[in-house]
Structures are given as C-alpha cells and as structure tokens.
Amino acid sequence: MQIRSAAHLALSRRVATESLVLLENKNKTLPLSATTKRKIAVVGPFADCQSCYFGESTTSSQARSPVVIPMAL
C-alpha cells in the first residue's frame, strides 16, 4: 500500500471537508475581543496535543508545528 497516494490524499481531504463544524455567530460574538475577558473551555484528551493534528501516519520529516487552541489563547 502506498502512503500519501493521490487517492488517499483525496479521501482525506473529502473526510476533513465533510467533518467541519461551522460556528453560528449569534450576537456577533466572533471574532473574540482581545480586551474583553471571557472564559473558554478547551476540553478533551487531545485539546492541546500538537502531534494529534496529523495522525499516526505522519513521519517526523513531514511534521509541522501546529498552534493548538490553548497556545493561541
């Protein structure tokens, strides 16, 4: 089996596109103000896991440095 084949990349892109969650911007909450203090819950076992963004098949030569949500706050 070829890793990162055109077919696998196409399937990966389709799955990612179909699994996107869009936020509803009720009351003009977004973008968040840098001056107004708010509380944001970042939950789950992978909430601050940089290596989890690329999956198990990513090699170290392909690794990037994503900014996970807690780093961005």
C-alpha atoms as a PDB file:
ATOM      1  CA  MET A   1       0.000   0.000   0.000  1.00  0.00           C
ATOM      2  CA  GLN A   2       1.338   3.416  -0.918  1.00  0.00           C
ATOM      3  CA  ILE A   3       1.144   6.000   1.854  1.00  0.00           C
ATOM      4  CA  ARG A   4       0.092   9.512   0.841  1.00  0.00           C
ATOM      5  CA  SER A   5      -1.092   8.371  -2.582  1.00  0.00           C
ATOM      6  CA  ALA A   6      -3.299  10.709  -4.597  1.00  0.00           C
ATOM      7  CA  ALA A   7      -6.333   8.568  -3.758  1.00  0.00           C
ATOM      8  CA  HIS A   8      -5.572   8.631  -0.016  1.00  0.00           C
ATOM      9  CA  LEU A   9      -4.998  12.386  -0.034  1.00  0.00           C
ATOM     10  CA  ALA A  10      -8.257  12.950  -1.915  1.00  0.00           C
ATOM     11  CA  LEU A  11     -10.167  10.775   0.552  1.00  0.00           C
ATOM     12  CA  SER A  12      -8.521  12.541   3.484  1.00  0.00           C
ATOM     13  CA  ARG A  13      -9.476  15.942   2.105  1.00  0.00           C
ATOM     14  CA  ARG A  14     -13.072  14.817   1.499  1.00  0.00           C
ATOM     15  CA  VAL A  15     -13.417  13.407   5.025  1.00  0.00           C
ATOM     16  CA  ALA A  16     -11.931  16.586   6.538  1.00  0.00           C
ATOM     17  CA  THR A  17     -14.256  18.781   4.493  1.00  0.00           C
ATOM     18  CA  GLU A  18     -17.314  16.754   5.437  1.00  0.00           C
ATOM     19  CA  SER A  19     -16.431  16.774   9.129  1.00  0.00           C
ATOM     20  CA  LEU A  20     -16.002  20.542   9.500  1.00  0.00           C
ATOM     21  CA  VAL A  21     -18.120  22.179  12.151  1.00  0.00           C
ATOM     22  CA  LEU A  22     -19.271  25.677  11.362  1.00  0.00           C
ATOM     23  CA  LEU A  23     -19.943  28.096  14.162  1.00  0.00           C
ATOM     24  CA  GLU A  24     -23.072  30.151  14.224  1.00  0.00           C
ATOM     25  CA  ASN A  25     -22.066  33.723  15.063  1.00  0.00           C
ATOM     26  CA  LYS A  26     -25.022  34.638  17.244  1.00  0.00           C
ATOM     27  CA  ASN A  27     -24.950  38.107  18.761  1.00  0.00           C
ATOM     28  CA  LYS A  28     -21.755  38.981  16.851  1.00  0.00           C
ATOM     29  CA  THR A  29     -19.582  37.101  19.379  1.00  0.00           C
ATOM     30  CA  LEU A  30     -16.851  36.358  16.858  1.00  0.00           C
ATOM     31  CA  PRO A  31     -14.147  37.426  16.488  1.00  0.00           C
ATOM     32  CA  LEU A  32     -13.358  37.422  20.194  1.00  0.00           C
ATOM     33  CA  SER A  33     -12.175  40.714  21.603  1.00  0.00           C
ATOM     34  CA  ALA A  34      -8.622  40.811  22.947  1.00  0.00           C
ATOM     35  CA  THR A  35      -9.664  43.395  25.538  1.00  0.00           C
ATOM     36  CA  THR A  36     -12.801  41.735  26.916  1.00  0.00           C
ATOM     37  CA  LYS A  37     -12.141  38.932  29.400  1.00  0.00           C
ATOM     38  CA  ARG A  38     -14.067  35.753  28.655  1.00  0.00           C
ATOM     39  CA  LYS A  39     -13.793  32.151  29.676  1.00  0.00           C
ATOM     40  CA  ILE A  40     -13.296  29.483  27.024  1.00  0.00           C
ATOM     41  CA  ALA A  41     -13.428  25.761  27.761  1.00  0.00           C
ATOM     42  CA  VAL A  42     -10.953  23.647  25.818  1.00  0.00           C
ATOM     43  CA  VAL A  43     -11.812  20.054  26.637  1.00  0.00           C
ATOM     44  CA  GLY A  44     -10.954  16.563  25.525  1.00  0.00           C
ATOM     45  CA  PRO A  45      -7.932  14.294  25.646  1.00  0.00           C
ATOM     46  CA  PHE A  46      -6.346  15.871  22.568  1.00  0.00           C
ATOM     47  CA  ALA A  47      -7.186  19.531  23.222  1.00  0.00           C
ATOM     48  CA  ASP A  48      -3.528  20.532  23.486  1.00  0.00           C
ATOM     49  CA  CYS A  49      -1.878  17.679  21.578  1.00  0.00           C
ATOM     50  CA  GLN A  50       0.205  19.081  18.709  1.00  0.00           C
ATOM     51  CA  SER A  51       1.161  15.684  17.324  1.00  0.00           C
ATOM     52  CA  CYS A  52      -2.500  14.580  17.170  1.00  0.00           C
ATOM     53  CA  TYR A  53      -3.308  17.032  14.380  1.00  0.00           C
ATOM     54  CA  PHE A  54      -1.585  14.938  11.731  1.00  0.00           C
ATOM     55  CA  GLY A  55      -2.462  11.375  12.717  1.00  0.00           C
ATOM     56  CA  GLU A  56      -0.365   8.304  13.262  1.00  0.00           C
ATOM     57  CA  SER A  57       0.914   8.013   9.692  1.00  0.00           C
ATOM     58  CA  THR A  58       2.802  11.318   9.741  1.00  0.00           C
ATOM     59  CA  THR A  59       6.543  10.883   9.863  1.00  0.00           C
ATOM     60  CA  SER A  60       8.860  13.240  11.695  1.00  0.00           C
ATOM     61  CA  SER A  61      10.101  14.588   8.351  1.00  0.00           C
ATOM     62  CA  GLN A  62       6.528  15.590   7.498  1.00  0.00           C
ATOM     63  CA  ALA A  63       5.780  17.060  10.923  1.00  0.00           C
ATOM     64  CA  ARG A  64       4.849  20.679  11.238  1.00  0.00           C
ATOM     65  CA  SER A  65       4.257  22.771  14.326  1.00  0.00           C
ATOM     66  CA  PRO A  66       0.538  23.478  14.543  1.00  0.00           C
ATOM     67  CA  VAL A  67      -0.765  26.023  17.008  1.00  0.00           C
ATOM     68  CA  VAL A  68      -3.234  24.242  19.248  1.00  0.00           C
ATOM     69  CA  ILE A  69      -6.045  26.238  20.832  1.00  0.00           C
ATOM     70  CA  PRO A  70      -4.533  26.626  24.330  1.00  0.00           C
ATOM     71  CA  MET A  71      -1.337  28.017  22.759  1.00  0.00           C
ATOM     72  CA  ALA A  72      -3.338  30.600  20.833  1.00  0.00           C
ATOM     73  CA  LEU A  73      -5.217  31.937  23.840  1.00  0.00           C
END
